[in-house]
């Protein structure tokens, strides 16, 4: 798994490539939490375009960050998931509590409508 992270205007973009499984989930959690704790982050966008597998431990990392960001008054967005990953997220109920977007840039459109 590779993870690219970028903070822009209080939004943390987490771009993941590869498999998010038990072996990699703890590292992803630590890396994301470190940024949340050290930068002014209000929202998170998990870009899942290049994720080809996610198990319950990977879902748990996303859910845990959702709870943390929500407690700070922010939102979590799930961007660009392929059909296989999107189905897993749907069956797990993630789209009931997190916003699915087709591309990262939609987060700015959401913010414009909130203002």
PDB file of N, CA and C in Angstrom:
ATOM      1  N   UNK A   1       0.846  -1.179   0.000  1.00  0.00           N
ATOM      2  CA  UNK A   1       0.000   0.000   0.000  1.00  0.00           C
ATOM      3  C   UNK A   1       0.885   1.234   0.000  1.00  0.00           C
ATOM      4  N   UNK A   2       0.522   2.179  -0.824  1.00  0.00           N
ATOM      5  CA  UNK A   2       1.167   3.483  -0.840  1.00  0.00           C
ATOM      6  C   UNK A   2       0.126   4.523  -0.448  1.00  0.00           C
ATOM      7  N   UNK A   3       0.574   5.544   0.285  1.00  0.00           N
ATOM      8  CA  UNK A   3      -0.342   6.590   0.740  1.00  0.00           C
ATOM      9  C   UNK A   3       0.292   7.945   0.476  1.00  0.00           C
ATOM     10  N   UNK A   4      -0.428   8.782  -0.244  1.00  0.00           N
ATOM     11  CA  UNK A   4      -0.019  10.171  -0.465  1.00  0.00           C
ATOM     12  C   UNK A   4      -0.980  11.035   0.333  1.00  0.00           C
ATOM     13  N   UNK A   5      -0.424  11.959   1.102  1.00  0.00           N
ATOM     14  CA  UNK A   5      -1.248  12.824   1.946  1.00  0.00           C
ATOM     15  C   UNK A   5      -0.960  14.283   1.615  1.00  0.00           C
ATOM     16  N   UNK A   6      -2.011  15.085   1.600  1.00  0.00           N
ATOM     17  CA  UNK A   6      -1.876  16.517   1.312  1.00  0.00           C
ATOM     18  C   UNK A   6      -2.953  17.268   2.094  1.00  0.00           C
ATOM     19  N   UNK A   7      -2.534  18.339   2.777  1.00  0.00           N
ATOM     20  CA  UNK A   7      -3.502  19.195   3.465  1.00  0.00           C
ATOM     21  C   UNK A   7      -3.617  20.486   2.670  1.00  0.00           C
ATOM     22  N   UNK A   8      -4.858  20.832   2.342  1.00  0.00           N
ATOM     23  CA  UNK A   8      -5.112  22.021   1.541  1.00  0.00           C
ATOM     24  C   UNK A   8      -6.385  22.677   2.067  1.00  0.00           C
ATOM     25  N   UNK A   9      -6.283  23.918   2.542  1.00  0.00           N
ATOM     26  CA  UNK A   9      -7.443  24.646   3.064  1.00  0.00           C
ATOM     27  C   UNK A   9      -8.223  23.837   4.100  1.00  0.00           C
ATOM     28  N   UNK A  10      -7.503  23.254   5.045  1.00  0.00           N
ATOM     29  CA  UNK A  10      -8.080  22.473   6.147  1.00  0.00           C
ATOM     30  C   UNK A  10      -8.734  21.166   5.716  1.00  0.00           C
ATOM     31  N   UNK A  11      -8.454  20.723   4.493  1.00  0.00           N
ATOM     32  CA  UNK A  11      -8.945  19.430   4.013  1.00  0.00           C
ATOM     33  C   UNK A  11      -7.738  18.515   3.835  1.00  0.00           C
ATOM     34  N   UNK A  12      -7.797  17.344   4.461  1.00  0.00           N
ATOM     35  CA  UNK A  12      -6.750  16.345   4.300  1.00  0.00           C
ATOM     36  C   UNK A  12      -7.154  15.391   3.183  1.00  0.00           C
ATOM     37  N   UNK A  13      -6.340  15.347   2.143  1.00  0.00           N
ATOM     38  CA  UNK A  13      -6.547  14.413   1.041  1.00  0.00           C
ATOM     39  C   UNK A  13      -5.646  13.203   1.298  1.00  0.00           C
ATOM     40  N   UNK A  14      -6.256  12.022   1.347  1.00  0.00           N
ATOM     41  CA  UNK A  14      -5.519  10.782   1.559  1.00  0.00           C
ATOM     42  C   UNK A  14      -5.716   9.931   0.311  1.00  0.00           C
ATOM     43  N   UNK A  15      -4.654   9.822  -0.486  1.00  0.00           N
ATOM     44  CA  UNK A  15      -4.727   9.070  -1.750  1.00  0.00           C
ATOM     45  C   UNK A  15      -4.032   7.725  -1.555  1.00  0.00           C
ATOM     46  N   UNK A  16      -4.824   6.673  -1.627  1.00  0.00           N
ATOM     47  CA  UNK A  16      -4.334   5.331  -1.309  1.00  0.00           C
ATOM     48  C   UNK A  16      -4.214   4.508  -2.587  1.00  0.00           C
ATOM     49  N   UNK A  17      -3.106   3.771  -2.680  1.00  0.00           N
ATOM     50  CA  UNK A  17      -2.892   2.858  -3.795  1.00  0.00           C
ATOM     51  C   UNK A  17      -2.606   1.472  -3.228  1.00  0.00           C
ATOM     52  N   UNK A  18      -3.287   0.462  -3.764  1.00  0.00           N
ATOM     53  CA  UNK A  18      -3.014  -0.909  -3.360  1.00  0.00           C
ATOM     54  C   UNK A  18      -4.081  -1.487  -2.465  1.00  0.00           C
ATOM     55  N   UNK A  19      -3.640  -2.361  -1.544  1.00  0.00           N
ATOM     56  CA  UNK A  19      -4.556  -3.091  -0.667  1.00  0.00           C
ATOM     57  C   UNK A  19      -4.546  -2.480   0.727  1.00  0.00           C
ATOM     58  N   UNK A  20      -5.740  -2.263   1.265  1.00  0.00           N
ATOM     59  CA  UNK A  20      -5.885  -1.766   2.630  1.00  0.00           C
ATOM     60  C   UNK A  20      -6.390  -2.946   3.461  1.00  0.00           C
ATOM     61  N   UNK A  21      -5.440  -3.665   4.048  1.00  0.00           N
ATOM     62  CA  UNK A  21      -5.784  -4.874   4.787  1.00  0.00           C
ATOM     63  C   UNK A  21      -5.179  -4.820   6.184  1.00  0.00           C
ATOM     64  N   UNK A  22      -5.320  -5.906   6.914  1.00  0.00           N
ATOM     65  CA  UNK A  22      -4.837  -5.987   8.293  1.00  0.00           C
ATOM     66  C   UNK A  22      -3.358  -5.610   8.384  1.00  0.00           C
ATOM     67  N   UNK A  23      -2.588  -6.029   7.406  1.00  0.00           N
ATOM     68  CA  UNK A  23      -1.143  -5.767   7.403  1.00  0.00           C
ATOM     69  C   UNK A  23      -0.836  -4.268   7.299  1.00  0.00           C
ATOM     70  N   UNK A  24      -1.669  -3.517   6.596  1.00  0.00           N
ATOM     71  CA  UNK A  24      -1.395  -2.104   6.319  1.00  0.00           C
ATOM     72  C   UNK A  24      -2.258  -1.118   7.104  1.00  0.00           C
ATOM     73  N   UNK A  25      -3.351  -1.575   7.680  1.00  0.00           N
ATOM     74  CA  UNK A  25      -4.326  -0.667   8.293  1.00  0.00           C
ATOM     75  C   UNK A  25      -3.736   0.161   9.432  1.00  0.00           C
ATOM     76  N   UNK A  26      -2.932  -0.436  10.286  1.00  0.00           N
ATOM     77  CA  UNK A  26      -2.390   0.299  11.425  1.00  0.00           C
ATOM     78  C   UNK A  26      -1.483   1.444  10.972  1.00  0.00           C
ATOM     79  N   UNK A  27      -0.699   1.193   9.941  1.00  0.00           N
ATOM     80  CA  UNK A  27       0.177   2.255   9.411  1.00  0.00           C
ATOM     81  C   UNK A  27      -0.660   3.395   8.849  1.00  0.00           C
ATOM     82  N   UNK A  28      -1.712   3.080   8.118  1.00  0.00           N
ATOM     83  CA  UNK A  28      -2.589   4.112   7.572  1.00  0.00           C
ATOM     84  C   UNK A  28      -3.213   4.926   8.703  1.00  0.00           C
ATOM     85  N   UNK A  29      -3.702   4.247   9.723  1.00  0.00           N
ATOM     86  CA  UNK A  29      -4.303   4.934  10.873  1.00  0.00           C
ATOM     87  C   UNK A  29      -3.300   5.890  11.527  1.00  0.00           C
ATOM     88  N   UNK A  30      -2.100   5.403  11.779  1.00  0.00           N
ATOM     89  CA  UNK A  30      -1.077   6.241  12.421  1.00  0.00           C
ATOM     90  C   UNK A  30      -0.737   7.463  11.577  1.00  0.00           C
ATOM     91  N   UNK A  31      -0.571   7.273  10.276  1.00  0.00           N
ATOM     92  CA  UNK A  31      -0.195   8.380   9.391  1.00  0.00           C
ATOM     93  C   UNK A  31      -1.301   9.439   9.321  1.00  0.00           C
ATOM     94  N   UNK A  32      -2.534   9.012   9.217  1.00  0.00           N
ATOM     95  CA  UNK A  32      -3.651   9.960   9.138  1.00  0.00           C
ATOM     96  C   UNK A  32      -3.830  10.669  10.481  1.00  0.00           C
ATOM     97  N   UNK A  33      -3.769   9.923  11.574  1.00  0.00           N
ATOM     98  CA  UNK A  33      -3.928  10.533  12.892  1.00  0.00           C
ATOM     99  C   UNK A  33      -2.830  11.559  13.180  1.00  0.00           C
ATOM    100  N   UNK A  34      -1.622  11.279  12.747  1.00  0.00           N
ATOM    101  CA  UNK A  34      -0.521  12.220  12.961  1.00  0.00           C
ATOM    102  C   UNK A  34      -0.808  13.566  12.292  1.00  0.00           C
ATOM    103  N   UNK A  35      -1.358  13.515  11.099  1.00  0.00           N
ATOM    104  CA  UNK A  35      -1.688  14.764  10.396  1.00  0.00           C
ATOM    105  C   UNK A  35      -2.850  15.467  11.094  1.00  0.00           C
ATOM    106  N   UNK A  36      -3.878  14.727  11.481  1.00  0.00           N
ATOM    107  CA  UNK A  36      -5.027  15.329  12.169  1.00  0.00           C
ATOM    108  C   UNK A  36      -4.566  16.039  13.443  1.00  0.00           C
ATOM    109  N   UNK A  37      -3.638  15.438  14.145  1.00  0.00           N
ATOM    110  CA  UNK A  37      -3.161  15.997  15.414  1.00  0.00           C
ATOM    111  C   UNK A  37      -2.220  17.183  15.231  1.00  0.00           C
ATOM    112  N   UNK A  38      -1.550  17.276  14.091  1.00  0.00           N
ATOM    113  CA  UNK A  38      -0.510  18.294  13.913  1.00  0.00           C
ATOM    114  C   UNK A  38      -0.835  19.399  12.920  1.00  0.00           C
ATOM    115  N   UNK A  39      -1.943  19.277  12.207  1.00  0.00           N
ATOM    116  CA  UNK A  39      -2.325  20.290  11.220  1.00  0.00           C
ATOM    117  C   UNK A  39      -3.784  20.681  11.445  1.00  0.00           C
ATOM    118  N   UNK A  40      -4.161  21.868  10.998  1.00  0.00           N
ATOM    119  CA  UNK A  40      -5.567  22.293  11.159  1.00  0.00           C
ATOM    120  C   UNK A  40      -6.460  21.613  10.106  1.00  0.00           C
ATOM    121  N   UNK A  41      -6.896  20.398  10.398  1.00  0.00           N
ATOM    122  CA  UNK A  41      -7.709  19.615   9.468  1.00  0.00           C
ATOM    123  C   UNK A  41      -9.154  19.625   9.948  1.00  0.00           C
ATOM    124  N   UNK A  42     -10.055  19.962   9.033  1.00  0.00           N
ATOM    125  CA  UNK A  42     -11.491  19.924   9.357  1.00  0.00           C
ATOM    126  C   UNK A  42     -12.182  18.753   8.659  1.00  0.00           C
ATOM    127  N   UNK A  43     -11.817  18.487   7.418  1.00  0.00           N
ATOM    128  CA  UNK A  43     -12.442  17.432   6.626  1.00  0.00           C
ATOM    129  C   UNK A  43     -11.370  16.498   6.061  1.00  0.00           C
ATOM    130  N   UNK A  44     -11.783  15.279   5.720  1.00  0.00           N
ATOM    131  CA  UNK A  44     -10.889  14.311   5.083  1.00  0.00           C
ATOM    132  C   UNK A  44     -11.537  13.802   3.804  1.00  0.00           C
ATOM    133  N   UNK A  45     -10.728  13.693   2.755  1.00  0.00           N
ATOM    134  CA  UNK A  45     -11.142  13.035   1.519  1.00  0.00           C
ATOM    135  C   UNK A  45     -10.258  11.804   1.354  1.00  0.00           C
ATOM    136  N   UNK A  46     -10.867  10.620   1.437  1.00  0.00           N
ATOM    137  CA  UNK A  46     -10.144   9.387   1.134  1.00  0.00           C
ATOM    138  C   UNK A  46     -10.346   9.107  -0.354  1.00  0.00           C
ATOM    139  N   UNK A  47      -9.273   9.245  -1.136  1.00  0.00           N
ATOM    140  CA  UNK A  47      -9.347   8.935  -2.557  1.00  0.00           C
ATOM    141  C   UNK A  47      -9.030   7.452  -2.714  1.00  0.00           C
ATOM    142  N   UNK A  48     -10.032   6.694  -3.139  1.00  0.00           N
ATOM    143  CA  UNK A  48      -9.930   5.240  -3.217  1.00  0.00           C
ATOM    144  C   UNK A  48      -9.808   4.739  -4.650  1.00  0.00           C
ATOM    145  N   UNK A  49      -9.495   5.641  -5.564  1.00  0.00           N
ATOM    146  CA  UNK A  49      -9.432   5.295  -6.990  1.00  0.00           C
ATOM    147  C   UNK A  49      -8.502   4.109  -7.258  1.00  0.00           C
ATOM    148  N   UNK A  50      -7.359   4.071  -6.575  1.00  0.00           N
ATOM    149  CA  UNK A  50      -6.365   3.036  -6.846  1.00  0.00           C
ATOM    150  C   UNK A  50      -6.320   1.947  -5.784  1.00  0.00           C
ATOM    151  N   UNK A  51      -7.401   1.832  -5.007  1.00  0.00           N
ATOM    152  CA  UNK A  51      -7.504   0.753  -4.025  1.00  0.00           C
ATOM    153  C   UNK A  51      -8.126  -0.453  -4.725  1.00  0.00           C
ATOM    154  N   UNK A  52      -7.437  -1.597  -4.657  1.00  0.00           N
ATOM    155  CA  UNK A  52      -7.983  -2.785  -5.312  1.00  0.00           C
ATOM    156  C   UNK A  52      -8.514  -3.814  -4.315  1.00  0.00           C
ATOM    157  N   UNK A  53      -8.315  -3.561  -3.001  1.00  0.00           N
ATOM    158  CA  UNK A  53      -8.839  -4.456  -1.981  1.00  0.00           C
ATOM    159  C   UNK A  53      -8.912  -3.706  -0.663  1.00  0.00           C
ATOM    160  N   UNK A  54      -9.995  -3.927   0.090  1.00  0.00           N
ATOM    161  CA  UNK A  54     -10.113  -3.374   1.438  1.00  0.00           C
ATOM    162  C   UNK A  54     -10.842  -4.397   2.288  1.00  0.00           C
ATOM    163  N   UNK A  55     -10.300  -4.665   3.480  1.00  0.00           N
ATOM    164  CA  UNK A  55     -10.969  -5.600   4.383  1.00  0.00           C
ATOM    165  C   UNK A  55     -11.522  -4.842   5.582  1.00  0.00           C
ATOM    166  N   UNK A  56     -12.035  -5.585   6.573  1.00  0.00           N
ATOM    167  CA  UNK A  56     -12.683  -4.937   7.714  1.00  0.00           C
ATOM    168  C   UNK A  56     -11.735  -4.053   8.507  1.00  0.00           C
ATOM    169  N   UNK A  57     -10.453  -4.379   8.542  1.00  0.00           N
ATOM    170  CA  UNK A  57      -9.510  -3.524   9.265  1.00  0.00           C
ATOM    171  C   UNK A  57      -9.322  -2.194   8.537  1.00  0.00           C
ATOM    172  N   UNK A  58      -9.309  -2.214   7.219  1.00  0.00           N
ATOM    173  CA  UNK A  58      -9.235  -0.982   6.440  1.00  0.00           C
ATOM    174  C   UNK A  58     -10.490  -0.149   6.597  1.00  0.00           C
ATOM    175  N   UNK A  59     -11.644  -0.812   6.580  1.00  0.00           N
ATOM    176  CA  UNK A  59     -12.905  -0.102   6.811  1.00  0.00           C
ATOM    177  C   UNK A  59     -12.913   0.511   8.206  1.00  0.00           C
ATOM    178  N   UNK A  60     -12.347  -0.205   9.168  1.00  0.00           N
ATOM    179  CA  UNK A  60     -12.276   0.295  10.533  1.00  0.00           C
ATOM    180  C   UNK A  60     -11.446   1.556  10.654  1.00  0.00           C
ATOM    181  N   UNK A  61     -10.375   1.637   9.886  1.00  0.00           N
ATOM    182  CA  UNK A  61      -9.549   2.855   9.893  1.00  0.00           C
ATOM    183  C   UNK A  61     -10.365   4.038   9.390  1.00  0.00           C
ATOM    184  N   UNK A  62     -11.074   3.859   8.290  1.00  0.00           N
ATOM    185  CA  UNK A  62     -11.889   4.945   7.742  1.00  0.00           C
ATOM    186  C   UNK A  62     -12.981   5.334   8.737  1.00  0.00           C
ATOM    187  N   UNK A  63     -13.648   4.345   9.315  1.00  0.00           N
ATOM    188  CA  UNK A  63     -14.718   4.625  10.275  1.00  0.00           C
ATOM    189  C   UNK A  63     -14.180   5.353  11.508  1.00  0.00           C
ATOM    190  N   UNK A  64     -13.028   4.950  11.993  1.00  0.00           N
ATOM    191  CA  UNK A  64     -12.429   5.618  13.144  1.00  0.00           C
ATOM    192  C   UNK A  64     -12.077   7.066  12.865  1.00  0.00           C
ATOM    193  N   UNK A  65     -11.567   7.348  11.659  1.00  0.00           N
ATOM    194  CA  UNK A  65     -11.240   8.733  11.285  1.00  0.00           C
ATOM    195  C   UNK A  65     -12.524   9.530  11.124  1.00  0.00           C
ATOM    196  N   UNK A  66     -13.583   8.887  10.619  1.00  0.00           N
ATOM    197  CA  UNK A  66     -14.882   9.551  10.513  1.00  0.00           C
ATOM    198  C   UNK A  66     -15.347  10.018  11.894  1.00  0.00           C
ATOM    199  N   UNK A  67     -15.279   9.124  12.874  1.00  0.00           N
ATOM    200  CA  UNK A  67     -15.717   9.478  14.225  1.00  0.00           C
ATOM    201  C   UNK A  67     -14.880  10.623  14.792  1.00  0.00           C
ATOM    202  N   UNK A  68     -13.588  10.578  14.549  1.00  0.00           N
ATOM    203  CA  UNK A  68     -12.691  11.620  15.061  1.00  0.00           C
ATOM    204  C   UNK A  68     -12.996  12.967  14.402  1.00  0.00           C
ATOM    205  N   UNK A  69     -13.130  12.989  13.090  1.00  0.00           N
ATOM    206  CA  UNK A  69     -13.381  14.236  12.354  1.00  0.00           C
ATOM    207  C   UNK A  69     -14.779  14.769  12.659  1.00  0.00           C
ATOM    208  N   UNK A  70     -15.747  13.882  12.765  1.00  0.00           N
ATOM    209  CA  UNK A  70     -17.110  14.316  13.089  1.00  0.00           C
ATOM    210  C   UNK A  70     -17.142  14.983  14.463  1.00  0.00           C
ATOM    211  N   UNK A  71     -16.371  14.457  15.413  1.00  0.00           N
ATOM    212  CA  UNK A  71     -16.341  15.054  16.754  1.00  0.00           C
ATOM    213  C   UNK A  71     -15.728  16.452  16.726  1.00  0.00           C
ATOM    214  N   UNK A  72     -14.976  16.752  15.670  1.00  0.00           N
ATOM    215  CA  UNK A  72     -14.381  18.080  15.492  1.00  0.00           C
ATOM    216  C   UNK A  72     -15.245  18.976  14.608  1.00  0.00           C
ATOM    217  N   UNK A  73     -16.417  18.469  14.204  1.00  0.00           N
ATOM    218  CA  UNK A  73     -17.333  19.243  13.374  1.00  0.00           C
ATOM    219  C   UNK A  73     -17.080  19.141  11.887  1.00  0.00           C
ATOM    220  N   UNK A  74     -16.285  18.155  11.476  1.00  0.00           N
ATOM    221  CA  UNK A  74     -15.951  18.009  10.058  1.00  0.00           C
ATOM    222  C   UNK A  74     -16.682  16.863   9.387  1.00  0.00           C
ATOM    223  N   UNK A  75     -16.303  16.631   8.129  1.00  0.00           N
ATOM    224  CA  UNK A  75     -16.923  15.584   7.315  1.00  0.00           C
ATOM    225  C   UNK A  75     -15.859  14.713   6.672  1.00  0.00           C
ATOM    226  N   UNK A  76     -16.246  13.506   6.306  1.00  0.00           N
ATOM    227  CA  UNK A  76     -15.378  12.597   5.567  1.00  0.00           C
ATOM    228  C   UNK A  76     -16.032  12.301   4.229  1.00  0.00           C
ATOM    229  N   UNK A  77     -15.232  12.378   3.184  1.00  0.00           N
ATOM    230  CA  UNK A  77     -15.686  12.101   1.814  1.00  0.00           C
ATOM    231  C   UNK A  77     -14.938  10.881   1.292  1.00  0.00           C
ATOM    232  N   UNK A  78     -15.632  10.053   0.528  1.00  0.00           N
ATOM    233  CA  UNK A  78     -15.045   8.881  -0.107  1.00  0.00           C
ATOM    234  C   UNK A  78     -15.057   9.127  -1.609  1.00  0.00           C
ATOM    235  N   UNK A  79     -13.871   9.297  -2.181  1.00  0.00           N
ATOM    236  CA  UNK A  79     -13.771   9.719  -3.582  1.00  0.00           C
ATOM    237  C   UNK A  79     -13.282   8.603  -4.498  1.00  0.00           C
ATOM    238  N   UNK A  80     -13.875   8.574  -5.678  1.00  0.00           N
ATOM    239  CA  UNK A  80     -13.366   7.812  -6.825  1.00  0.00           C
ATOM    240  C   UNK A  80     -13.243   6.314  -6.622  1.00  0.00           C
ATOM    241  N   UNK A  81     -14.040   5.739  -5.757  1.00  0.00           N
ATOM    242  CA  UNK A  81     -13.964   4.294  -5.540  1.00  0.00           C
ATOM    243  C   UNK A  81     -14.421   3.550  -6.793  1.00  0.00           C
ATOM    244  N   UNK A  82     -13.704   2.471  -7.128  1.00  0.00           N
ATOM    245  CA  UNK A  82     -14.136   1.655  -8.264  1.00  0.00           C
ATOM    246  C   UNK A  82     -15.375   0.860  -7.849  1.00  0.00           C
ATOM    247  N   UNK A  83     -16.000   0.191  -8.784  1.00  0.00           N
ATOM    248  CA  UNK A  83     -17.269  -0.487  -8.516  1.00  0.00           C
ATOM    249  C   UNK A  83     -17.146  -1.542  -7.417  1.00  0.00           C
ATOM    250  N   UNK A  84     -16.054  -2.291  -7.399  1.00  0.00           N
ATOM    251  CA  UNK A  84     -15.854  -3.334  -6.386  1.00  0.00           C
ATOM    252  C   UNK A  84     -15.766  -2.726  -4.986  1.00  0.00           C
ATOM    253  N   UNK A  85     -14.968  -1.686  -4.834  1.00  0.00           N
ATOM    254  CA  UNK A  85     -14.790  -1.029  -3.534  1.00  0.00           C
ATOM    255  C   UNK A  85     -16.072  -0.289  -3.145  1.00  0.00           C
ATOM    256  N   UNK A  86     -16.718   0.337  -4.121  1.00  0.00           N
ATOM    257  CA  UNK A  86     -17.969   1.056  -3.854  1.00  0.00           C
ATOM    258  C   UNK A  86     -19.027   0.093  -3.301  1.00  0.00           C
ATOM    259  N   UNK A  87     -19.099  -1.110  -3.835  1.00  0.00           N
ATOM    260  CA  UNK A  87     -20.066  -2.104  -3.370  1.00  0.00           C
ATOM    261  C   UNK A  87     -19.791  -2.474  -1.908  1.00  0.00           C
ATOM    262  N   UNK A  88     -18.521  -2.661  -1.557  1.00  0.00           N
ATOM    263  CA  UNK A  88     -18.146  -2.974  -0.174  1.00  0.00           C
ATOM    264  C   UNK A  88     -18.558  -1.835   0.748  1.00  0.00           C
ATOM    265  N   UNK A  89     -18.304  -0.589   0.325  1.00  0.00           N
ATOM    266  CA  UNK A  89     -18.664   0.578   1.133  1.00  0.00           C
ATOM    267  C   UNK A  89     -20.183   0.689   1.288  1.00  0.00           C
ATOM    268  N   UNK A  90     -20.908   0.404   0.219  1.00  0.00           N
ATOM    269  CA  UNK A  90     -22.373   0.449   0.280  1.00  0.00           C
ATOM    270  C   UNK A  90     -22.910  -0.605   1.250  1.00  0.00           C
ATOM    271  N   UNK A  91     -22.435  -1.838   1.115  1.00  0.00           N
ATOM    272  CA  UNK A  91     -22.903  -2.928   1.973  1.00  0.00           C
ATOM    273  C   UNK A  91     -22.545  -2.685   3.440  1.00  0.00           C
ATOM    274  N   UNK A  92     -21.459  -1.962   3.667  1.00  0.00           N
ATOM    275  CA  UNK A  92     -21.017  -1.655   5.032  1.00  0.00           C
ATOM    276  C   UNK A  92     -21.715  -0.430   5.610  1.00  0.00           C
ATOM    277  N   UNK A  93     -22.547   0.238   4.806  1.00  0.00           N
ATOM    278  CA  UNK A  93     -23.304   1.394   5.274  1.00  0.00           C
ATOM    279  C   UNK A  93     -22.532   2.702   5.313  1.00  0.00           C
ATOM    280  N   UNK A  94     -21.370   2.729   4.705  1.00  0.00           N
ATOM    281  CA  UNK A  94     -20.542   3.938   4.761  1.00  0.00           C
ATOM    282  C   UNK A  94     -21.181   5.129   4.062  1.00  0.00           C
ATOM    283  N   UNK A  95     -21.914   4.893   2.990  1.00  0.00           N
ATOM    284  CA  UNK A  95     -22.509   6.016   2.262  1.00  0.00           C
ATOM    285  C   UNK A  95     -23.725   6.605   2.986  1.00  0.00           C
ATOM    286  N   UNK A  96     -24.174   5.959   4.043  1.00  0.00           N
ATOM    287  CA  UNK A  96     -25.237   6.548   4.866  1.00  0.00           C
ATOM    288  C   UNK A  96     -24.678   7.612   5.804  1.00  0.00           C
ATOM    289  N   UNK A  97     -23.388   7.506   6.127  1.00  0.00           N
ATOM    290  CA  UNK A  97     -22.792   8.456   7.077  1.00  0.00           C
ATOM    291  C   UNK A  97     -21.686   9.311   6.472  1.00  0.00           C
ATOM    292  N   UNK A  98     -21.166   8.895   5.315  1.00  0.00           N
ATOM    293  CA  UNK A  98     -20.105   9.645   4.630  1.00  0.00           C
ATOM    294  C   UNK A  98     -20.556   9.939   3.211  1.00  0.00           C
ATOM    295  N   UNK A  99     -20.076  11.024   2.679  1.00  0.00           N
ATOM    296  CA  UNK A  99     -20.476  11.448   1.329  1.00  0.00           C
ATOM    297  C   UNK A  99     -19.572  10.788   0.293  1.00  0.00           C
ATOM    298  N   UNK A 100     -20.183  10.116  -0.668  1.00  0.00           N
ATOM    299  CA  UNK A 100     -19.437   9.573  -1.798  1.00  0.00           C
ATOM    300  C   UNK A 100     -19.349  10.620  -2.898  1.00  0.00           C
ATOM    301  N   UNK A 101     -18.156  10.841  -3.402  1.00  0.00           N
ATOM    302  CA  UNK A 101     -17.962  11.789  -4.505  1.00  0.00           C
ATOM    303  C   UNK A 101     -17.178  11.091  -5.612  1.00  0.00           C
ATOM    304  N   UNK A 102     -17.402  11.507  -6.844  1.00  0.00           N
ATOM    305  CA  UNK A 102     -16.745  10.823  -7.953  1.00  0.00           C
ATOM    306  C   UNK A 102     -15.332  11.336  -8.226  1.00  0.00           C
ATOM    307  N   UNK A 103     -15.028  12.546  -7.751  1.00  0.00           N
ATOM    308  CA  UNK A 103     -13.673  13.070  -7.888  1.00  0.00           C
ATOM    309  C   UNK A 103     -13.386  14.034  -6.744  1.00  0.00           C
ATOM    310  N   UNK A 104     -12.123  14.166  -6.403  1.00  0.00           N
ATOM    311  CA  UNK A 104     -11.711  14.988  -5.257  1.00  0.00           C
ATOM    312  C   UNK A 104     -12.242  16.414  -5.323  1.00  0.00           C
ATOM    313  N   UNK A 105     -12.253  16.993  -6.488  1.00  0.00           N
ATOM    314  CA  UNK A 105     -12.623  18.403  -6.643  1.00  0.00           C
ATOM    315  C   UNK A 105     -14.043  18.693  -6.170  1.00  0.00           C
ATOM    316  N   UNK A 106     -14.878  17.678  -6.107  1.00  0.00           N
ATOM    317  CA  UNK A 106     -16.255  17.883  -5.659  1.00  0.00           C
ATOM    318  C   UNK A 106     -16.326  18.364  -4.214  1.00  0.00           C
ATOM    319  N   UNK A 107     -15.275  18.127  -3.428  1.00  0.00           N
ATOM    320  CA  UNK A 107     -15.292  18.598  -2.046  1.00  0.00           C
ATOM    321  C   UNK A 107     -15.391  20.120  -2.009  1.00  0.00           C
ATOM    322  N   UNK A 108     -14.787  20.808  -2.971  1.00  0.00           N
ATOM    323  CA  UNK A 108     -14.847  22.276  -3.009  1.00  0.00           C
ATOM    324  C   UNK A 108     -16.254  22.725  -3.387  1.00  0.00           C
ATOM    325  N   UNK A 109     -16.918  21.978  -4.272  1.00  0.00           N
ATOM    326  CA  UNK A 109     -18.287  22.306  -4.633  1.00  0.00           C
ATOM    327  C   UNK A 109     -19.199  22.144  -3.413  1.00  0.00           C
ATOM    328  N   UNK A 110     -18.977  21.099  -2.617  1.00  0.00           N
ATOM    329  CA  UNK A 110     -19.752  20.889  -1.397  1.00  0.00           C
ATOM    330  C   UNK A 110     -19.567  22.068  -0.442  1.00  0.00           C
ATOM    331  N   UNK A 111     -18.332  22.496  -0.295  1.00  0.00           N
ATOM    332  CA  UNK A 111     -18.026  23.593   0.628  1.00  0.00           C
ATOM    333  C   UNK A 111     -18.664  24.896   0.160  1.00  0.00           C
ATOM    334  N   UNK A 112     -18.734  25.109  -1.151  1.00  0.00           N
ATOM    335  CA  UNK A 112     -19.363  26.308  -1.683  1.00  0.00           C
ATOM    336  C   UNK A 112     -20.846  26.320  -1.346  1.00  0.00           C
ATOM    337  N   UNK A 113     -21.489  25.154  -1.437  1.00  0.00           N
ATOM    338  CA  UNK A 113     -22.922  25.060  -1.117  1.00  0.00           C
ATOM    339  C   UNK A 113     -23.195  25.208   0.378  1.00  0.00           C
ATOM    340  N   UNK A 114     -22.208  24.828   1.220  1.00  0.00           N
ATOM    341  CA  UNK A 114     -22.383  24.960   2.669  1.00  0.00           C
ATOM    342  C   UNK A 114     -22.329  26.417   3.121  1.00  0.00           C
ATOM    343  N   UNK A 115     -21.551  27.219   2.404  1.00  0.00           N
ATOM    344  CA  UNK A 115     -21.326  28.622   2.823  1.00  0.00           C
ATOM    345  C   UNK A 115     -22.535  29.505   2.595  1.00  0.00           C
TER     346      UNK A 115
END
